[in-house]
Protein backbone atom coordinates (compact mmCIF):
# COMPACT_ATOMS: atom_id res chain seq x y z
CA UNK A 1 -27.54 -66.91 19.38
CA UNK A 2 -30.84 -65.19 18.48
CA UNK A 3 -31.45 -65.28 14.73
CA UNK A 4 -30.80 -61.83 13.16
CA UNK A 5 -33.78 -62.58 10.88
CA UNK A 6 -36.12 -61.70 13.77
CA UNK A 7 -35.30 -57.89 13.97
CA UNK A 8 -34.50 -57.56 10.19
CA UNK A 9 -36.61 -55.14 8.26
CA UNK A 10 -35.28 -55.88 4.69
CA UNK A 11 -33.90 -59.25 3.69
CA UNK A 12 -32.21 -60.51 0.46
CA UNK A 13 -32.37 -64.33 -0.20
CA UNK A 14 -30.21 -65.92 -2.94
CA UNK A 15 -30.89 -69.27 -4.47
CA UNK A 16 -28.56 -71.18 -6.73
CA UNK A 17 -29.45 -73.29 -9.78
CA UNK A 18 -29.05 -76.64 -8.15
CA UNK A 19 -32.00 -75.71 -5.85
CA UNK A 20 -34.20 -74.26 -8.55
CA UNK A 21 -33.81 -76.87 -11.24
CA UNK A 22 -33.28 -80.60 -11.61
CA UNK A 23 -32.54 -82.08 -14.94
CA UNK A 24 -33.84 -79.01 -16.73
CA UNK A 25 -37.08 -78.87 -14.77
CA UNK A 26 -38.24 -76.48 -11.90
CA UNK A 27 -38.21 -78.06 -8.45
CA UNK A 28 -41.75 -76.86 -7.87
CA UNK A 29 -42.31 -78.42 -4.50
CA UNK A 30 -39.18 -76.85 -3.08
CA UNK A 31 -40.17 -73.53 -4.68
CA UNK A 32 -43.54 -73.74 -3.24
CA UNK A 33 -42.12 -74.23 0.28
CA UNK A 34 -39.68 -71.40 -0.13
CA UNK A 35 -42.52 -69.04 -1.13
CA UNK A 36 -44.47 -70.07 1.89
CA UNK A 37 -41.47 -68.97 3.96
CA UNK A 38 -41.16 -65.64 2.23
CA UNK A 39 -44.95 -65.13 2.70
CA UNK A 40 -44.54 -65.68 6.41
CA UNK A 41 -41.70 -63.17 6.54
CA UNK A 42 -43.82 -60.66 4.70
CA UNK A 43 -46.73 -61.28 7.12
CA UNK A 44 -44.28 -60.35 9.86
CA UNK A 45 -43.96 -57.00 8.31
CA UNK A 46 -40.50 -57.63 6.51
CA UNK A 47 -39.57 -56.83 2.88
CA UNK A 48 -38.07 -59.66 0.84
CA UNK A 49 -35.91 -59.58 -2.31
CA UNK A 50 -35.19 -62.82 -4.04
CA UNK A 51 -32.06 -63.14 -6.05
CA UNK A 52 -32.24 -66.37 -8.10
CA UNK A 53 -30.16 -68.35 -10.61
CA UNK A 54 -31.64 -71.11 -12.60
CA UNK A 55 -32.52 -69.60 -16.01
CA UNK A 56 -29.58 -71.15 -17.99
CA UNK A 57 -30.19 -74.53 -16.21
CA UNK A 58 -33.87 -74.52 -17.21
CA UNK A 59 -33.29 -73.30 -20.76
CA UNK A 60 -30.44 -75.75 -21.73
CA UNK A 61 -32.70 -78.73 -22.54
CA UNK A 62 -34.33 -76.47 -25.16
CA UNK A 63 -31.18 -75.94 -27.02
CA UNK A 64 -30.67 -79.53 -27.90
CA UNK A 65 -27.70 -81.80 -27.17
CA UNK A 66 -24.10 -80.69 -26.66
CA UNK A 67 -21.99 -79.11 -23.93
CA UNK A 68 -23.32 -75.55 -24.50
CA UNK A 69 -20.25 -73.92 -22.83
CA UNK A 70 -19.86 -71.06 -25.34
CA UNK A 71 -20.98 -67.72 -24.10
CA UNK A 72 -23.67 -67.25 -26.92
CA UNK A 73 -25.07 -70.75 -25.93
CA UNK A 74 -25.43 -69.81 -22.29
CA UNK A 75 -27.02 -66.51 -23.27
CA UNK A 76 -29.56 -68.27 -25.54
CA UNK A 77 -30.27 -70.81 -22.75
CA UNK A 78 -30.90 -67.86 -20.38
CA UNK A 79 -33.24 -66.38 -22.83
CA UNK A 80 -35.16 -69.56 -23.04
CA UNK A 81 -35.15 -70.44 -19.35
CA UNK A 82 -35.85 -66.93 -17.68
CA UNK A 83 -39.62 -67.19 -18.65
CA UNK A 84 -39.67 -70.64 -17.11
CA UNK A 85 -37.99 -69.57 -13.96
CA UNK A 86 -40.45 -66.65 -13.40
CA UNK A 87 -43.44 -68.78 -14.36
CA UNK A 88 -42.51 -71.43 -11.61
CA UNK A 89 -41.83 -68.72 -9.00
CA UNK A 90 -45.10 -67.00 -9.93
CA UNK A 91 -47.02 -70.30 -9.48
CA UNK A 92 -45.28 -70.75 -6.14
CA UNK A 93 -46.49 -67.26 -4.92
CA UNK A 94 -50.04 -67.45 -6.32
CA UNK A 95 -51.60 -69.28 -3.24
CA UNK A 96 -50.36 -66.52 -1.07
CA UNK A 97 -51.61 -63.61 -3.27
CA UNK A 98 -48.12 -62.31 -3.76
CA UNK A 99 -46.85 -60.79 -7.13
CA UNK A 100 -43.38 -61.66 -8.31
CA UNK A 101 -41.66 -58.83 -10.28
CA UNK A 102 -38.79 -59.73 -12.61
CA UNK A 103 -35.79 -57.57 -12.56
CA UNK A 104 -32.78 -58.39 -14.67
CA UNK A 105 -29.53 -56.46 -13.82
CA UNK A 106 -26.05 -56.16 -15.36
CA UNK A 107 -22.89 -55.18 -13.49
CA UNK A 108 -23.06 -51.65 -14.46
CA UNK A 109 -26.47 -51.34 -12.70
CA UNK A 110 -24.87 -51.66 -9.42
CA UNK A 111 -21.34 -50.11 -10.24
CA UNK A 112 -22.36 -46.89 -12.01
CA UNK A 113 -23.97 -44.28 -9.71
CA UNK A 114 -26.73 -43.06 -12.08
CA UNK A 115 -27.75 -46.71 -12.93
CA UNK A 116 -27.53 -47.64 -9.29
CA UNK A 117 -29.91 -44.86 -8.36
CA UNK A 118 -32.36 -45.97 -11.17
CA UNK A 119 -32.19 -49.76 -10.13
CA UNK A 120 -32.62 -48.81 -6.45
CA UNK A 121 -35.64 -46.62 -6.98
CA UNK A 122 -37.27 -49.28 -9.14
CA UNK A 123 -36.63 -52.00 -6.41
CA UNK A 124 -37.89 -49.66 -3.70
CA UNK A 125 -41.08 -48.97 -5.65
CA UNK A 126 -41.78 -52.61 -6.20
CA UNK A 127 -41.33 -53.23 -2.47
CA UNK A 128 -43.72 -50.45 -1.70
CA UNK A 129 -46.15 -51.88 -3.99
CA UNK A 130 -46.04 -55.19 -2.00
CA UNK A 131 -44.32 -57.25 -4.81
CA UNK A 132 -41.30 -59.52 -4.32
CA UNK A 133 -38.53 -58.47 -6.70
CA UNK A 134 -37.02 -61.57 -8.29
CA UNK A 135 -33.55 -60.63 -9.56
CA UNK A 136 -31.23 -62.50 -11.94
CA UNK A 137 -28.22 -61.22 -13.86
CA UNK A 138 -29.17 -60.40 -17.45
CA UNK A 139 -27.15 -63.13 -18.84
CA UNK A 140 -28.70 -62.73 -22.32
CA UNK A 141 -26.62 -59.57 -22.83
CA UNK A 142 -23.90 -59.68 -20.28
CA UNK A 143 -20.49 -60.47 -21.74
CA UNK A 144 -17.61 -62.08 -19.91
CA UNK A 145 -15.99 -58.75 -19.31
CA UNK A 146 -19.01 -57.00 -17.71
CA UNK A 147 -20.77 -59.63 -15.75
CA UNK A 148 -20.92 -60.54 -11.95
CA UNK A 149 -20.04 -64.18 -12.71
CA UNK A 150 -22.04 -65.58 -9.75
CA UNK A 151 -25.18 -64.50 -8.21
CA UNK A 152 -23.69 -64.55 -4.70
CA UNK A 153 -21.76 -61.44 -5.64
CA UNK A 154 -24.94 -59.93 -7.23
CA UNK A 155 -27.06 -60.71 -4.15
CA UNK A 156 -24.52 -58.87 -2.04
CA UNK A 157 -24.50 -55.87 -4.25
CA UNK A 158 -28.26 -55.91 -4.17
CA UNK A 159 -28.23 -55.97 -0.34
CA UNK A 160 -25.81 -53.15 -0.37
CA UNK A 161 -27.84 -51.14 -2.69
CA UNK A 162 -31.08 -51.56 -0.70
CA UNK A 163 -29.35 -51.20 2.66
CA UNK A 164 -30.73 -54.64 3.67
CA UNK A 165 -30.27 -55.86 7.21
CA UNK A 166 -29.83 -59.58 6.25
CA UNK A 167 -28.58 -61.44 3.31
CA UNK A 168 -29.31 -65.17 3.27
CA UNK A 169 -27.23 -67.42 0.92
CA UNK A 170 -28.98 -70.77 0.50
CA UNK A 171 -26.26 -73.23 -0.12
CA UNK A 172 -25.55 -77.00 -0.48
CA UNK A 173 -23.99 -77.05 2.88
CA UNK A 174 -24.96 -75.62 6.29
CA UNK A 175 -22.27 -73.04 6.62
CA UNK A 176 -18.53 -72.56 6.93
CA UNK A 177 -16.28 -75.22 8.20
CA UNK A 178 -12.64 -75.19 9.14
CA UNK A 179 -12.09 -77.45 6.18
CA UNK A 180 -14.26 -79.05 3.50
CA UNK A 181 -16.33 -81.61 5.53
CA UNK A 182 -16.90 -83.70 2.51
CA UNK A 183 -13.15 -84.39 2.48
CA UNK A 184 -12.18 -83.92 6.10
CA UNK A 185 -14.20 -85.64 8.80
CA UNK A 186 -12.43 -83.66 11.50
CA UNK A 187 -13.69 -80.33 10.09
CA UNK A 188 -15.65 -78.26 12.57
CA UNK A 189 -18.53 -75.98 11.84
CA UNK A 190 -18.29 -72.25 12.46
CA UNK A 191 -21.56 -70.79 13.75
CA UNK A 192 -20.55 -67.19 14.08
CA UNK A 193 -18.02 -64.83 12.43
CA UNK A 194 -17.64 -61.32 13.81
CA UNK A 195 -14.69 -60.39 11.49
CA UNK A 196 -13.84 -62.03 8.17
CA UNK A 197 -10.09 -62.82 7.94
CA UNK A 198 -7.66 -64.51 5.45
CA UNK A 199 -7.99 -67.51 7.64
CA UNK A 200 -11.62 -67.83 7.00
CA UNK A 201 -10.96 -67.35 3.21
CA UNK A 202 -8.38 -70.30 3.43
CA UNK A 203 -11.17 -72.50 4.88
CA UNK A 204 -13.48 -72.00 1.98
CA UNK A 205 -13.87 -74.82 -0.64
CA UNK A 206 -14.42 -74.71 -4.25
CA UNK A 207 -17.64 -75.00 -6.21
CA UNK A 208 -19.73 -78.01 -5.60
CA UNK A 209 -18.45 -80.41 -8.41
CA UNK A 210 -21.26 -82.92 -7.98
CA UNK A 211 -24.21 -80.78 -9.02
CA UNK A 212 -22.80 -79.79 -12.41
CA UNK A 213 -24.77 -76.52 -12.37
CA UNK A 214 -24.05 -73.12 -10.95
CA UNK A 215 -20.70 -71.28 -10.56
CA UNK A 216 -20.63 -70.43 -6.78
CA UNK A 217 -19.00 -72.19 -3.82
CA UNK A 218 -17.96 -71.33 -0.23
CA UNK A 219 -15.21 -68.99 -1.75
CA UNK A 220 -17.73 -66.90 -3.59
CA UNK A 221 -20.21 -66.87 -0.71
CA UNK A 222 -17.43 -65.49 1.65
CA UNK A 223 -16.59 -62.93 -1.05
CA UNK A 224 -20.24 -61.97 -1.06
CA UNK A 225 -20.42 -61.78 2.63
CA UNK A 226 -17.48 -59.45 2.81
CA UNK A 227 -19.34 -56.97 0.47
CA UNK A 228 -22.42 -57.29 2.80
CA UNK A 229 -20.24 -57.02 5.89
CA UNK A 230 -18.98 -53.63 4.68
CA UNK A 231 -22.51 -52.33 4.09
CA UNK A 232 -23.52 -53.31 7.56
CA UNK A 233 -25.62 -56.30 6.47
CA UNK A 234 -25.46 -59.65 8.33
CA UNK A 235 -25.05 -62.73 6.08
CA UNK A 236 -26.37 -66.18 6.73
CA UNK A 237 -24.93 -69.17 4.87
CA UNK A 238 -27.10 -72.18 5.34
CA UNK A 239 -28.42 -75.40 3.89
CA UNK A 240 -30.95 -74.64 1.21
CA UNK A 241 -32.14 -78.23 0.59
CA UNK A 242 -34.26 -78.21 3.70
CA UNK A 243 -38.07 -78.09 2.78
CA UNK A 244 -38.53 -74.85 4.48
CA UNK A 245 -35.03 -73.33 4.75
CA UNK A 246 -35.92 -69.78 5.98
CA UNK A 247 -38.24 -71.19 8.72
CA UNK A 248 -35.43 -73.53 9.68
CA UNK A 249 -32.92 -70.55 9.85
CA UNK A 250 -35.22 -68.47 11.83
CA UNK A 251 -35.78 -71.53 14.33
CA UNK A 252 -32.08 -71.86 14.94
CA UNK A 253 -31.02 -74.53 12.47
CA UNK A 254 -27.32 -74.85 11.92
CA UNK A 255 -25.80 -71.99 9.83
CA UNK A 256 -22.87 -69.58 9.82
CA UNK A 257 -23.93 -66.03 10.65
CA UNK A 258 -21.40 -63.29 9.60
CA UNK A 259 -22.25 -60.32 11.73
CA UNK A 260 -20.90 -56.74 10.97
CA UNK A 261 -20.24 -54.48 13.91
CA UNK A 262 -22.33 -51.61 12.43
CA UNK A 263 -25.86 -51.13 11.02
CA UNK A 264 -26.46 -50.62 7.20
CA UNK A 265 -27.44 -46.93 7.94
CA UNK A 266 -24.14 -46.31 9.63
CA UNK A 267 -22.21 -48.18 6.99
CA UNK A 268 -23.80 -46.02 4.40
CA UNK A 269 -23.19 -42.81 5.93
CA UNK A 270 -19.54 -43.70 6.46
CA UNK A 271 -19.21 -44.62 2.68
CA UNK A 272 -20.78 -41.43 1.61
CA UNK A 273 -18.52 -39.38 3.84
CA UNK A 274 -15.26 -41.11 2.84
CA UNK A 275 -15.90 -41.77 -0.98
CA UNK A 276 -17.74 -38.86 -2.53
CA UNK A 277 -15.60 -36.28 -4.27
CA UNK A 278 -18.01 -33.48 -5.31
CA UNK A 279 -18.30 -32.85 -9.06
CA UNK A 280 -20.21 -29.68 -8.45
CA UNK A 281 -22.40 -27.91 -5.99
CA UNK A 282 -26.03 -27.10 -5.17
CA UNK A 283 -26.65 -23.79 -3.17
CA UNK A 284 -29.67 -23.87 -0.81
CA UNK A 285 -31.47 -21.26 1.38
CA UNK A 286 -31.45 -21.06 5.18
CA UNK A 287 -34.65 -23.09 5.38
CA UNK A 288 -33.45 -25.87 3.47
CA UNK A 289 -30.03 -25.88 5.38
CA UNK A 290 -31.95 -26.07 8.67
CA UNK A 291 -34.10 -28.96 7.29
CA UNK A 292 -31.01 -30.75 6.09
CA UNK A 293 -29.34 -30.43 9.51
CA UNK A 294 -32.43 -32.05 11.03
CA UNK A 295 -32.22 -35.09 8.71
CA UNK A 296 -34.50 -34.09 5.92
CA UNK A 297 -33.96 -34.70 2.14
CA UNK A 298 -33.11 -31.80 -0.15
CA UNK A 299 -36.22 -30.69 -2.00
CA UNK A 300 -36.30 -28.33 -5.01
CA UNK A 301 -38.13 -25.64 -3.08
CA UNK A 302 -34.91 -24.94 -1.01
CA UNK A 303 -32.49 -24.81 -3.96
CA UNK A 304 -31.30 -21.37 -5.02
CA UNK A 305 -28.78 -22.08 -7.67
CA UNK A 306 -26.10 -24.57 -9.12
CA UNK A 307 -22.42 -24.53 -9.43
CA UNK A 308 -20.61 -26.35 -12.28
CA UNK A 309 -21.90 -29.17 -14.57
CA UNK A 310 -22.82 -32.60 -13.31
CA UNK A 311 -24.77 -35.70 -14.44
CA UNK A 312 -27.54 -37.46 -12.63
CA UNK A 313 -26.06 -39.72 -10.00
CA UNK A 314 -23.00 -37.40 -9.48
CA UNK A 315 -21.60 -36.64 -6.13
CA UNK A 316 -22.22 -32.93 -5.24
CA UNK A 317 -21.58 -30.57 -2.47
CA UNK A 318 -24.49 -28.67 -0.88
CA UNK A 319 -23.71 -25.13 0.20
CA UNK A 320 -25.68 -22.73 2.45
CA UNK A 321 -26.59 -19.23 1.89
CA UNK A 322 -23.10 -18.00 2.88
CA UNK A 323 -21.33 -20.58 0.64
CA UNK A 324 -20.51 -22.83 3.63
CA UNK A 325 -20.35 -26.54 3.03
CA UNK A 326 -23.43 -28.25 4.72
CA UNK A 327 -23.36 -31.78 3.16
CA UNK A 328 -22.46 -34.04 0.27
CA UNK A 329 -24.79 -36.31 -1.61
CA UNK A 330 -25.66 -38.18 -4.84
CA UNK A 331 -28.07 -36.13 -6.93
CA UNK A 332 -31.14 -37.60 -8.57
CA UNK A 333 -30.94 -34.95 -11.33
CA UNK A 334 -28.29 -33.25 -13.56
CA UNK A 335 -27.21 -29.68 -13.26
CA UNK A 336 -29.44 -28.28 -15.86
CA UNK A 337 -32.63 -29.96 -14.34
CA UNK A 338 -31.65 -28.85 -10.81
CA UNK A 339 -31.43 -25.34 -12.09
CA UNK A 340 -34.84 -25.73 -13.67
CA UNK A 341 -36.40 -26.93 -10.50
CA UNK A 342 -34.68 -24.39 -8.21
CA UNK A 343 -37.53 -23.01 -5.78
CA UNK A 344 -40.19 -25.26 -7.14
CA UNK A 345 -42.74 -27.13 -4.97
CA UNK A 346 -43.18 -30.92 -5.49
CA UNK A 347 -46.35 -30.48 -7.47
CA UNK A 348 -44.59 -28.21 -9.95
CA UNK A 349 -41.84 -30.64 -10.91
CA UNK A 350 -43.66 -32.30 -13.78
CA UNK A 351 -44.73 -28.95 -15.33
CA UNK A 352 -41.10 -27.68 -15.29
CA UNK A 353 -39.39 -30.77 -16.58
CA UNK A 354 -41.98 -32.19 -18.89
CA UNK A 355 -42.03 -35.49 -16.97
CA UNK A 356 -42.73 -36.74 -13.49
CA UNK A 357 -39.47 -36.64 -11.55
CA UNK A 358 -38.47 -37.73 -8.08
CA UNK A 359 -39.70 -35.54 -5.28
CA UNK A 360 -36.20 -35.10 -3.68
CA UNK A 361 -33.22 -33.53 -5.45
CA UNK A 362 -31.06 -35.58 -3.03
CA UNK A 363 -32.84 -38.19 -0.80
CA UNK A 364 -31.59 -38.29 2.90
CA UNK A 365 -30.36 -41.83 2.35
CA UNK A 366 -27.90 -40.48 -0.33
CA UNK A 367 -26.85 -37.52 1.80
CA UNK A 368 -24.21 -37.10 4.58
CA UNK A 369 -23.73 -33.88 6.66
CA UNK A 370 -20.46 -32.13 6.68
CA UNK A 371 -18.76 -32.23 10.15
């Protein structure tokens, strides 16, 4: 099969601790090679986001001896290791003239709509500025109750948030097998999955016990692929240890590709249509209604009023001049600010609010028409 990397516009790559660090030291030569792969993808017009573990592994040696399994010890190790991780990645990108931008997320940043909007807007801005966002879980503040637990899941949530076309999970194995090939010589490699089933989940093994770092395994990778699948994002599980793993993947080296039947845009529209329960309403004029029906975002100039009270990130109904339901969407402003902006042109937003807000009340990516 042709690699889905070719036509992909936006790609999320996840690397685990074992690829990043060895005995508490960055694996700089491998990082340099991966940075070269990412630079080549960017030169081909693609946007790349890098989700990377490794902070805890790099920080542990600086805490002294001991098992360091307590939560506060892991958090301290993360605080020590995160600057080392970013320094190694920045060094890898430097020959290519690429800026690495650190973004630390917590579970609530992808599970709560308001924070999800803020996180997505920040990452979109970084990509538009030509940077490569380097994302890790904010282990220094996350507790056991409010954390992802593994960066495979975080990477899948980021891919979902950004409507990515491809998620690449760089692993210690070249894909999914019918059984663990390290234990069963008869295990067969599975090159393509068009529908994830319980049978596939049963094939997944546990975390790699030999590396001693990281928290992921094939089971967590399939769980991440399931999230991406629902978002219309293809997932590749492939061997990360290769010197240039992304180039190898693009060249057809062995991997498991999990291919959804729909695109990210189609999946997102379906989610918006089926899961948004309006908490209020925004009324618009005839011009705005016509623009929405043609696929535009909702701008303040077309707003005539607000119904109910809602917060930024809430799901709201959009009603036409006669009160008819036109669309539903996720608003970038709360009800009071929408009311203040009603009828305003984009260059008047800052004067009305006292700060520079977003140009759209509801972006077209966060809006679905009523049908």
